[in-house]
Amino acid sequence: MRCLIFSDDADNLKEIISYFYKKMDIDVFCNSEVLDYGANNVYKYNDGFSDNISEYLIELYNKNKYDYIFISSTNLGRQIAGILSDKLNEKCMPEIFSFENDYKVVTKRFFYGGKSVLTEETDFKIFTVAPGIYEAKKVDKRSNLIDAKLKNSRYKILSKKKKNTGGNDITKAKVIVSIGRGLGSKENIEKVMPLVDALHGEIAGSRPVCLDYKWLSEDKQVGLSGKKVKPDFYIALGISGQIQHLAGIRNAKTIIAINKDKNAPIFEECDYGIVGDLFTVVPKLVDKLKNN
């Protein structure tokens, strides 16, 4: 079996290649040199847009007769998946996190906003792949690097405006302390930062905190419409745990919730839960951490 993988996100690309390594022969189309992860050929482009990238992918697909196309579920990736689905007249399965091909293809993806897992048999050829599908691992195989020349795009960049960010990328964090509306106000963030610092973690938040109230920058949002994270420890402070938020923390190894509402949905999903006022609990945790 042969597959073609596209991603404009180097970290997610490495995960996808590692996941499919030894499952099938892999060619990659990307804007980074990922030569140590098991692909046969890496077609590297410098700058491109959805139209000329899609055109090149279609040419590769028709020329090399790949069995499947896997596309990283980034903003650009989702655009390209739609274009390829239309141009190649092939249906696309979105956001998979598992792909098995033992006589028949079986995929898994989150459903109902991440509340359940949908397992499906399919004959689809195009798939978008959710972040965090696998741990990226280098292998003792060097890919063949090919310079990809894209045709001119119909689009051009007129200007760039830097987006306000809150520092480090939370998708790479090993420990995340995440805040919800239960924090009460932006000023109260200072009261939970000692816990973030004691754990050498990163602060994040729910959709209301980042988008509605703007207590944190947009890049700190965790959830279905935000970042999907996979830390070793995810500590939810004052977060009720709606399904949209839970979809972003499914890959966390350990989830700890602190909420004064004993009926908060987060308690059904966490590994450890504390019912109590976070402003009372957090200082006690910080003291314990400092004394150990």
Foldseek 3Di string as FASTA:
>chain_A
DEEEEEEADVQQVLFVLQVCAVVHAYEYEYQDFPFFQHHAEYAHEHDDALVQVLVVVVVCCVVVVGQAYEYEPDPRRVSNLVVNCVVVVFDEAEAWLDWDPDVWIWTWHAPPFNPDIDIDTDSTRYYYYYGPSGHRDGDPGGYHYHYDDTDDDPDDDPDDDDFDADDDQQQPWQEEEEEECLCPDLVSVVLQVLVCVLVVTYYAYACCCAPVRNSHDQQRYFFQPHAAHAHQEYEYEQDLDDSRRVNRDVNHNFYEYEELDPPRPVVVVGPYYDNDRCSVVSVVVSVVSVVD
